[in-house]
Amino acid sequence: MIVSVLTAIFSISPVISNAQLGEVDNQEPINGVAMKGANVSVKQNNYDVPSPPPNYIDDSFRLISEAGLNHVRFLIYWEAYEMNPEAFMKEIQSVAAAGDKWGVKIIYDNHQWHTSSWLERKGTGFPTSVFENNSKYVKGGGGNTPDPAAKLFWTDWWNRSVKDSQGRDGWILMADFLKKIVTEVDNRSSTLGYEILSEPHVNNVDDWPKIGEFNTFIVGELRNITQKTIAYSMNVPVDLKSPINITPENLAKMAPADKQNVVFKISVYGVPDRDAYQKQRFDTFLKTRDLTGIPIYIGEWNNVVRTPGEGGVFKLNPALSDLTEDNADKILQAFKDAGVWGTAFWKWDYRAADTASFNLVLNNNGTLVPTKYYDILKNAVATVYANATNNTSTS
């Protein structure tokens, strides 16, 4: 058995050397899902979150384990904590307990999408306290990357000029929030690590080194209380033709100074070589890895189609997007061939999504029922990683 395990481990052919990877080395890619909770997903300015089915957390981790998956990237929202800290932490505790019980590792992801529900009803992430002190952050002003209100906020965030109503520094406030999570779960056997901030916005070329300063600050703060894996995220928008100049050299500027036990989280929504643009995009991230020596973590993946919408902006088209056995195998095989550190499928959620392949499970009158995409993912992992070990040690 020892010989077979060692053979599986050393059969990996990563693009960069183990010496470059710090403590995250000799590592089989870990396959899992990006999972949404209930109380950790509540929005301060939008309360219409349906209740989860009974035993949602435990049933989810059981099904995830039975699918041959070994980790969860668990989404948490800072504004949900600010709204109800007690309910938030109670759910975190139940997630950690379920991970321990079913042998599933967890990365706690400080998630944001369209910045915050303060700026946009469908947005989520940053809490009300960092907006209400400043009249220039107009409520409902729009939180997506093209929106002037979002651009204003993110420019201030990278300039470290965002303060709460008591004048406290936003970076310190976020670090304090993350430390609460770390303090609660770091001693759990299921805790694999933490993600600093998912998909931050970049407005101009001057932002790249500022994001590096932010990541350096947060990693430094967390390293005072944890030595577990820390993930930092790619930016949005990811348009290789954008004036923000997305190059491996600029992406590398986002890396924290302390690279030990750190991974770079990216999202991939299609077969990496589906077309010339997808291949160029994926290669850009691989070249970034070569420059920084930091392993890549595919924190979100699926297969989607985007078509031009209003103003020529490409938007996800649910009707044309689908995941099949074939493209699931191709996507995972591309990740394996590239030697990525891990993958998390988007997504695991009891709330139904418009894009069918985003639904691994559905809530059927209080019962969590797997969809066909659950089986597609399960089979793809079994096929592509048939000889892989489920090793999630970070040292």
Protein backbone atom coordinates (compact mmCIF):
# COMPACT_ATOMS: atom_id res chain seq x y z
CA MET A 1 0.00 0.00 0.00
CA ILE A 2 2.83 2.39 0.87
CA VAL A 3 4.47 1.78 -2.49
CA SER A 4 1.23 2.41 -4.38
CA VAL A 5 0.58 5.65 -2.51
CA LEU A 6 4.09 6.90 -3.17
CA THR A 7 3.75 5.95 -6.83
CA ALA A 8 0.51 7.95 -7.09
CA ILE A 9 2.03 10.97 -5.39
CA PHE A 10 5.22 11.11 -7.44
CA SER A 11 3.47 10.40 -10.74
CA ILE A 12 2.25 14.00 -10.76
CA SER A 13 3.98 16.21 -13.32
CA PRO A 14 3.48 19.79 -12.14
CA VAL A 15 4.58 22.62 -14.38
CA ILE A 16 6.68 24.16 -11.61
CA SER A 17 9.03 22.47 -9.20
CA ASN A 18 8.09 21.40 -5.70
CA ALA A 19 10.81 23.65 -4.36
CA GLN A 20 8.86 26.62 -5.67
CA LEU A 21 5.64 25.55 -3.99
CA GLY A 22 6.69 26.17 -0.41
CA GLU A 23 4.69 23.92 1.89
CA VAL A 24 2.01 23.13 -0.71
CA ASP A 25 3.99 20.41 -2.44
CA ASN A 26 3.78 16.73 -3.38
CA GLN A 27 0.09 17.46 -3.61
CA GLU A 28 -2.58 15.63 -5.54
CA PRO A 29 -5.16 18.07 -6.90
CA ILE A 30 -8.14 18.12 -4.58
CA ASN A 31 -11.60 17.95 -6.14
CA GLY A 32 -14.61 19.48 -4.48
CA VAL A 33 -17.47 21.94 -4.76
CA ALA A 34 -18.13 25.60 -4.06
CA MET A 35 -20.94 25.47 -1.52
CA LYS A 36 -23.38 28.13 -0.35
CA GLY A 37 -24.90 28.08 3.11
CA ALA A 38 -27.95 29.78 4.60
CA ASN A 39 -27.22 32.19 7.48
CA VAL A 40 -23.77 32.93 6.08
CA SER A 41 -25.43 34.03 2.81
CA VAL A 42 -27.95 36.52 4.22
CA LYS A 43 -27.85 40.01 2.75
CA GLN A 44 -28.24 43.08 4.95
CA ASN A 45 -30.35 44.88 2.35
CA ASN A 46 -32.29 41.92 0.93
CA TYR A 47 -33.98 39.46 3.26
CA ASP A 48 -35.66 37.05 0.82
CA VAL A 49 -33.40 34.04 1.51
CA PRO A 50 -35.43 30.81 1.58
CA SER A 51 -34.87 28.45 4.49
CA PRO A 52 -32.70 25.41 3.78
CA PRO A 53 -34.09 21.89 4.00
CA PRO A 54 -33.68 20.13 7.36
CA ASN A 55 -30.17 18.72 7.87
CA TYR A 56 -28.93 20.65 4.83
CA ILE A 57 -25.34 20.87 6.04
CA ASP A 58 -24.94 17.26 7.18
CA ASP A 59 -26.79 15.81 4.16
CA SER A 60 -24.66 17.93 1.83
CA PHE A 61 -21.37 16.77 3.28
CA ARG A 62 -22.53 13.16 3.18
CA LEU A 63 -23.43 13.43 -0.52
CA ILE A 64 -20.21 15.28 -1.30
CA SER A 65 -18.19 12.54 0.38
CA GLU A 66 -20.17 9.80 -1.40
CA ALA A 67 -19.37 11.46 -4.74
CA GLY A 68 -15.66 10.90 -4.12
CA LEU A 69 -15.04 14.61 -3.52
CA ASN A 70 -12.78 15.61 -0.69
CA HIS A 71 -13.23 19.31 -0.06
CA VAL A 72 -15.67 22.19 0.04
CA ARG A 73 -14.97 25.81 -0.77
CA PHE A 74 -17.55 27.24 1.61
CA LEU A 75 -18.79 30.74 0.74
CA ILE A 76 -19.22 33.23 3.57
CA TYR A 77 -20.29 36.87 3.37
CA TRP A 78 -18.95 39.60 5.61
CA GLU A 79 -22.29 41.43 5.55
CA ALA A 80 -24.07 38.26 6.75
CA TYR A 81 -21.84 38.24 9.82
CA GLU A 82 -22.53 41.90 10.52
CA MET A 83 -26.27 41.30 10.25
CA ASN A 84 -26.43 38.31 12.62
CA PRO A 85 -23.10 37.21 14.15
CA GLU A 86 -24.67 34.52 16.34
CA ALA A 87 -26.53 32.75 13.52
CA PHE A 88 -23.49 33.15 11.26
CA MET A 89 -21.07 31.50 13.68
CA LYS A 90 -23.55 28.75 14.55
CA GLU A 91 -23.65 27.73 10.89
CA ILE A 92 -19.86 27.88 10.65
CA GLN A 93 -19.68 25.49 13.60
CA SER A 94 -22.13 23.07 11.99
CA VAL A 95 -20.13 23.12 8.74
CA ALA A 96 -16.87 22.39 10.58
CA ALA A 97 -18.53 19.55 12.50
CA ALA A 98 -19.94 18.04 9.28
CA GLY A 99 -16.53 18.26 7.64
CA ASP A 100 -14.97 16.43 10.58
CA LYS A 101 -17.71 13.78 10.51
CA TRP A 102 -17.58 12.99 6.79
CA GLY A 103 -13.86 13.49 6.23
CA VAL A 104 -14.31 16.47 3.92
CA LYS A 105 -11.82 19.36 4.05
CA ILE A 106 -13.03 22.99 4.01
CA ILE A 107 -11.69 26.26 2.62
CA TYR A 108 -13.63 29.19 4.10
CA ASP A 109 -14.08 31.71 1.28
CA ASN A 110 -14.63 35.40 2.05
CA HIS A 111 -16.88 35.87 -0.96
CA GLN A 112 -18.22 38.93 -2.75
CA TRP A 113 -20.26 39.32 -5.92
CA HIS A 114 -21.21 42.74 -7.28
CA THR A 115 -19.56 44.15 -4.15
CA SER A 116 -22.45 44.33 -1.67
CA SER A 117 -26.23 44.39 -1.28
CA TRP A 118 -25.76 48.04 -0.29
CA LEU A 119 -24.88 48.90 -3.89
CA GLU A 120 -27.08 46.37 -5.67
CA ARG A 121 -29.96 44.16 -4.57
CA LYS A 122 -28.45 41.01 -6.09
CA GLY A 123 -24.95 41.88 -4.89
CA THR A 124 -23.41 40.51 -1.72
CA GLY A 125 -20.20 40.76 0.24
CA PHE A 126 -19.09 43.96 1.96
CA PRO A 127 -21.14 45.06 5.01
CA THR A 128 -23.26 48.17 5.31
CA SER A 129 -20.87 49.65 7.89
CA VAL A 130 -18.22 50.46 5.25
CA PHE A 131 -20.69 52.38 3.07
CA GLU A 132 -23.08 54.31 5.31
CA ASN A 133 -20.40 56.64 6.65
CA ASN A 134 -19.72 58.14 3.21
CA SER A 135 -22.39 59.88 1.15
CA LYS A 136 -20.52 59.24 -2.11
CA TYR A 137 -21.35 55.50 -1.84
CA VAL A 138 -24.94 55.95 -2.97
CA LYS A 139 -27.16 53.08 -1.89
CA GLY A 140 -28.35 51.16 -4.95
CA GLY A 141 -25.70 52.81 -7.13
CA GLY A 142 -24.64 49.52 -8.74
CA GLY A 143 -22.01 47.02 -7.67
CA ASN A 144 -20.88 45.42 -10.94
CA THR A 145 -17.49 46.16 -12.51
CA PRO A 146 -18.74 48.77 -15.05
CA ASP A 147 -20.83 50.69 -12.47
CA PRO A 148 -19.41 54.08 -11.39
CA ALA A 149 -20.43 53.48 -7.76
CA ALA A 150 -18.53 50.18 -7.65
CA LYS A 151 -15.51 51.70 -9.37
CA LEU A 152 -15.44 54.49 -6.80
CA PHE A 153 -15.62 52.10 -3.88
CA TRP A 154 -12.96 49.70 -5.17
CA THR A 155 -10.59 52.55 -5.99
CA ASP A 156 -10.96 53.75 -2.41
CA TRP A 157 -10.56 50.20 -1.12
CA TRP A 158 -7.20 49.72 -2.87
CA ASN A 159 -6.11 53.17 -1.72
CA ARG A 160 -6.97 52.06 1.82
CA SER A 161 -9.25 55.03 2.36
CA VAL A 162 -12.49 53.13 3.14
CA LYS A 163 -13.56 53.68 6.76
CA ASP A 164 -16.55 52.60 8.80
CA SER A 165 -18.87 54.95 10.71
CA GLN A 166 -16.33 55.10 13.56
CA GLY A 167 -13.45 55.92 11.26
CA ARG A 168 -11.84 52.49 11.49
CA ASP A 169 -9.70 51.26 8.60
CA GLY A 170 -11.46 48.85 6.20
CA TRP A 171 -8.46 46.55 5.75
CA ILE A 172 -8.15 46.09 9.51
CA LEU A 173 -11.89 45.49 9.81
CA MET A 174 -11.75 42.74 7.17
CA ALA A 175 -8.72 41.16 8.85
CA ASP A 176 -10.58 41.18 12.17
CA PHE A 177 -13.59 39.50 10.52
CA LEU A 178 -11.41 36.77 9.01
CA LYS A 179 -9.65 36.25 12.33
CA LYS A 180 -12.99 35.46 13.94
CA ILE A 181 -13.47 32.63 11.43
CA VAL A 182 -9.92 31.36 11.93
CA THR A 183 -10.24 31.42 15.72
CA GLU A 184 -13.47 29.42 15.50
CA VAL A 185 -12.34 26.62 13.15
CA ASP A 186 -8.55 26.51 12.84
CA ASN A 187 -8.18 23.63 15.30
CA ARG A 188 -10.67 21.47 13.36
CA SER A 189 -9.27 18.53 11.41
CA SER A 190 -11.53 19.49 8.48
CA THR A 191 -10.14 23.00 8.11
CA LEU A 192 -7.90 23.17 5.06
CA GLY A 193 -7.61 26.94 4.79
CA TYR A 194 -9.08 30.36 4.05
CA GLU A 195 -9.65 32.57 1.00
CA ILE A 196 -8.94 36.26 1.55
CA LEU A 197 -11.42 37.88 -0.87
CA SER A 198 -13.00 36.33 -3.94
CA GLU A 199 -12.66 38.08 -7.29
CA PRO A 200 -11.84 41.67 -6.30
CA HIS A 201 -12.48 44.41 -8.87
CA VAL A 202 -9.64 46.01 -10.82
CA ASN A 203 -10.37 49.41 -12.38
CA ASN A 204 -7.02 50.47 -13.78
CA VAL A 205 -3.42 49.36 -14.18
CA ASP A 206 -2.40 51.14 -10.98
CA ASP A 207 -4.46 48.68 -8.92
CA TRP A 208 -2.25 45.61 -9.44
CA PRO A 209 0.52 46.42 -6.93
CA LYS A 210 -2.06 47.83 -4.49
CA ILE A 211 -3.84 44.48 -4.45
CA GLY A 212 -0.48 42.89 -3.71
CA GLU A 213 -0.13 45.23 -0.72
CA PHE A 214 -3.62 44.28 0.46
CA ASN A 215 -2.94 40.54 0.10
CA THR A 216 0.39 40.96 1.88
CA PHE A 217 -1.34 42.75 4.76
CA ILE A 218 -4.13 40.19 5.18
CA VAL A 219 -1.80 37.19 4.89
CA GLY A 220 0.49 38.78 7.46
CA GLU A 221 -2.40 39.32 9.87
CA LEU A 222 -3.68 35.75 9.47
CA ARG A 223 -0.23 34.20 9.80
CA ASN A 224 -0.21 35.42 13.40
CA ILE A 225 -2.89 32.83 14.21
CA THR A 226 -2.82 30.15 11.48
CA GLN A 227 -0.34 28.28 9.32
CA LYS A 228 -2.99 26.63 7.15
CA THR A 229 -3.46 27.26 3.43
CA ILE A 230 -4.40 30.80 2.39
CA ALA A 231 -5.88 31.52 -1.04
CA TYR A 232 -5.89 34.85 -2.80
CA SER A 233 -8.09 35.39 -5.83
CA MET A 234 -7.88 36.52 -9.42
CA ASN A 235 -9.57 39.78 -10.29
CA VAL A 236 -12.69 40.67 -12.25
CA PRO A 237 -13.28 41.57 -14.99
CA VAL A 238 -11.08 39.03 -16.77
CA ASP A 239 -11.02 40.41 -20.29
CA LEU A 240 -7.66 40.01 -21.98
CA LYS A 241 -8.48 43.00 -24.21
CA SER A 242 -9.32 45.26 -21.27
CA PRO A 243 -7.39 48.51 -20.69
CA ILE A 244 -6.45 47.24 -17.21
CA ASN A 245 -3.84 45.16 -19.09
CA ILE A 246 -4.30 41.61 -17.82
CA THR A 247 -0.89 40.01 -18.28
CA PRO A 248 1.01 37.40 -16.28
CA GLU A 249 3.32 40.15 -15.10
CA ASN A 250 0.46 42.27 -13.74
CA LEU A 251 -1.37 39.30 -12.23
CA ALA A 252 1.87 38.36 -10.47
CA LYS A 253 1.82 41.73 -8.71
CA MET A 254 -1.23 40.57 -6.76
CA ALA A 255 0.78 37.92 -4.93
CA PRO A 256 1.44 38.43 -1.21
CA ALA A 257 5.03 38.82 -0.07
CA ASP A 258 4.75 35.69 2.09
CA LYS A 259 4.11 32.87 -0.39
CA GLN A 260 4.44 29.94 2.01
CA ASN A 261 1.38 27.70 1.92
CA VAL A 262 -0.45 30.12 -0.39
CA VAL A 263 -2.49 29.28 -3.51
CA PHE A 264 -3.85 31.46 -6.32
CA LYS A 265 -7.59 30.99 -6.88
CA ILE A 266 -8.99 31.39 -10.40
CA SER A 267 -12.32 30.61 -12.08
CA VAL A 268 -12.70 28.64 -15.33
CA TYR A 269 -16.10 28.38 -17.01
CA GLY A 270 -15.38 26.28 -20.08
CA VAL A 271 -12.97 23.82 -21.61
CA PRO A 272 -9.60 25.63 -21.38
CA ASP A 273 -8.84 24.99 -25.08
CA ARG A 274 -12.42 25.37 -26.34
CA ASP A 275 -11.24 28.23 -28.53
CA ALA A 276 -8.18 30.42 -28.98
CA TYR A 277 -9.41 32.98 -26.44
CA GLN A 278 -10.13 30.40 -23.70
CA LYS A 279 -6.71 28.85 -24.25
CA GLN A 280 -4.98 32.22 -24.08
CA ARG A 281 -6.85 33.07 -20.89
CA PHE A 282 -5.91 29.80 -19.18
CA ASP A 283 -2.31 30.04 -20.38
CA THR A 284 -2.12 33.54 -18.89
CA PHE A 285 -2.89 32.12 -15.45
CA LEU A 286 -0.41 29.27 -15.90
CA LYS A 287 2.30 31.77 -16.83
CA THR A 288 1.39 33.76 -13.72
CA ARG A 289 2.00 30.61 -11.68
CA ASP A 290 5.40 30.21 -13.33
CA LEU A 291 6.32 33.78 -12.39
CA THR A 292 5.17 33.61 -8.76
CA GLY A 293 5.79 29.96 -7.94
CA ILE A 294 2.33 29.86 -6.33
CA PRO A 295 0.06 26.87 -7.16
CA ILE A 296 -3.25 27.42 -8.93
CA TYR A 297 -6.55 26.58 -7.28
CA ILE A 298 -9.58 26.40 -9.62
CA GLY A 299 -12.04 27.65 -7.00
CA GLU A 300 -14.92 27.74 -9.50
CA TRP A 301 -15.45 25.74 -12.68
CA ASN A 302 -18.33 24.79 -14.94
CA ASN A 303 -19.18 25.02 -18.63
CA VAL A 304 -21.07 28.11 -19.76
CA VAL A 305 -21.77 30.07 -22.92
CA ARG A 306 -21.79 33.87 -22.96
CA THR A 307 -23.48 35.92 -25.68
CA PRO A 308 -23.49 39.67 -26.38
CA GLY A 309 -26.09 41.60 -24.41
CA GLU A 310 -27.00 45.26 -23.99
CA GLY A 311 -24.13 47.54 -24.92
CA GLY A 312 -22.15 44.64 -26.35
CA VAL A 313 -21.39 43.24 -22.89
CA PHE A 314 -21.14 39.44 -22.92
CA LYS A 315 -23.45 37.79 -20.39
CA LEU A 316 -24.05 34.20 -19.36
CA ASN A 317 -26.71 32.55 -21.48
CA PRO A 318 -28.43 29.84 -19.36
CA ALA A 319 -30.28 28.39 -22.36
CA LEU A 320 -27.03 27.64 -24.22
CA SER A 321 -24.97 26.57 -21.20
CA ASP A 322 -24.74 22.91 -20.28
CA LEU A 323 -22.41 20.37 -18.74
CA THR A 324 -22.02 16.94 -20.34
CA GLU A 325 -19.93 13.88 -19.49
CA ASP A 326 -17.67 14.79 -22.40
CA ASN A 327 -16.91 18.41 -21.56
CA ALA A 328 -16.68 17.64 -17.82
CA ASP A 329 -14.00 15.03 -18.57
CA LYS A 330 -12.17 17.44 -20.88
CA ILE A 331 -12.19 20.26 -18.33
CA LEU A 332 -10.90 18.10 -15.47
CA GLN A 333 -8.33 16.46 -17.72
CA ALA A 334 -7.01 19.89 -18.71
CA PHE A 335 -6.73 20.83 -15.04
CA LYS A 336 -4.91 17.59 -14.24
CA ASP A 337 -2.54 18.00 -17.19
CA ALA A 338 -1.74 21.54 -16.03
CA GLY A 339 -0.88 20.28 -12.54
CA VAL A 340 -3.33 22.52 -10.68
CA TRP A 341 -3.49 22.27 -6.89
CA GLY A 342 -7.24 21.78 -6.68
CA THR A 343 -10.67 22.25 -8.23
CA ALA A 344 -14.10 23.24 -6.90
CA PHE A 345 -17.20 22.84 -9.06
CA TRP A 346 -19.70 25.72 -9.16
CA LYS A 347 -21.98 25.12 -7.29
CA TRP A 348 -23.64 23.34 -4.37
CA ASP A 349 -26.76 25.18 -3.20
CA TYR A 350 -30.27 24.24 -2.09
CA ARG A 351 -31.62 27.24 -4.02
CA ALA A 352 -32.29 26.56 -7.70
CA ALA A 353 -30.29 28.48 -10.32
CA ASP A 354 -31.38 29.56 -13.80
CA THR A 355 -28.38 27.81 -15.31
CA ALA A 356 -29.27 24.11 -15.04
CA SER A 357 -25.70 22.85 -14.63
CA PHE A 358 -25.29 25.08 -11.56
CA ASN A 359 -27.71 22.76 -9.76
CA LEU A 360 -25.89 19.78 -8.31
CA VAL A 361 -28.76 19.32 -5.88
CA LEU A 362 -32.32 20.58 -5.54
CA ASN A 363 -34.61 21.04 -2.55
CA ASN A 364 -37.52 18.64 -3.13
CA ASN A 365 -40.06 19.38 -0.38
CA GLY A 366 -37.40 19.47 2.31
CA THR A 367 -35.26 16.69 0.88
CA LEU A 368 -31.93 17.36 -0.81
CA VAL A 369 -32.04 15.52 -4.15
CA PRO A 370 -28.98 15.15 -6.45
CA THR A 371 -29.47 16.16 -10.09
CA LYS A 372 -27.92 14.55 -13.17
CA TYR A 373 -25.03 17.01 -12.85
CA TYR A 374 -24.09 15.44 -9.51
CA ASP A 375 -23.56 12.14 -11.33
CA ILE A 376 -21.72 13.85 -14.20
CA LEU A 377 -19.29 15.44 -11.74
CA LYS A 378 -18.93 12.24 -9.73
CA ASN A 379 -18.19 10.20 -12.85
CA ALA A 380 -15.78 12.77 -14.27
CA VAL A 381 -13.72 12.86 -11.08
CA ALA A 382 -13.66 9.07 -10.94
CA THR A 383 -12.60 8.85 -14.60
CA VAL A 384 -9.93 11.55 -14.69
CA TYR A 385 -8.52 11.01 -11.21
CA ALA A 386 -8.94 7.23 -11.10
CA ASN A 387 -5.40 6.73 -9.81
CA ALA A 388 -5.24 9.80 -7.59
CA THR A 389 -5.04 9.77 -3.82
CA ASN A 390 -7.26 11.94 -1.67
CA ASN A 391 -4.37 13.71 -0.01
CA THR A 392 -5.24 17.18 1.27
CA SER A 393 -2.27 17.64 3.57
CA THR A 394 -0.70 21.05 3.05
CA SER A 395 2.79 20.09 4.13
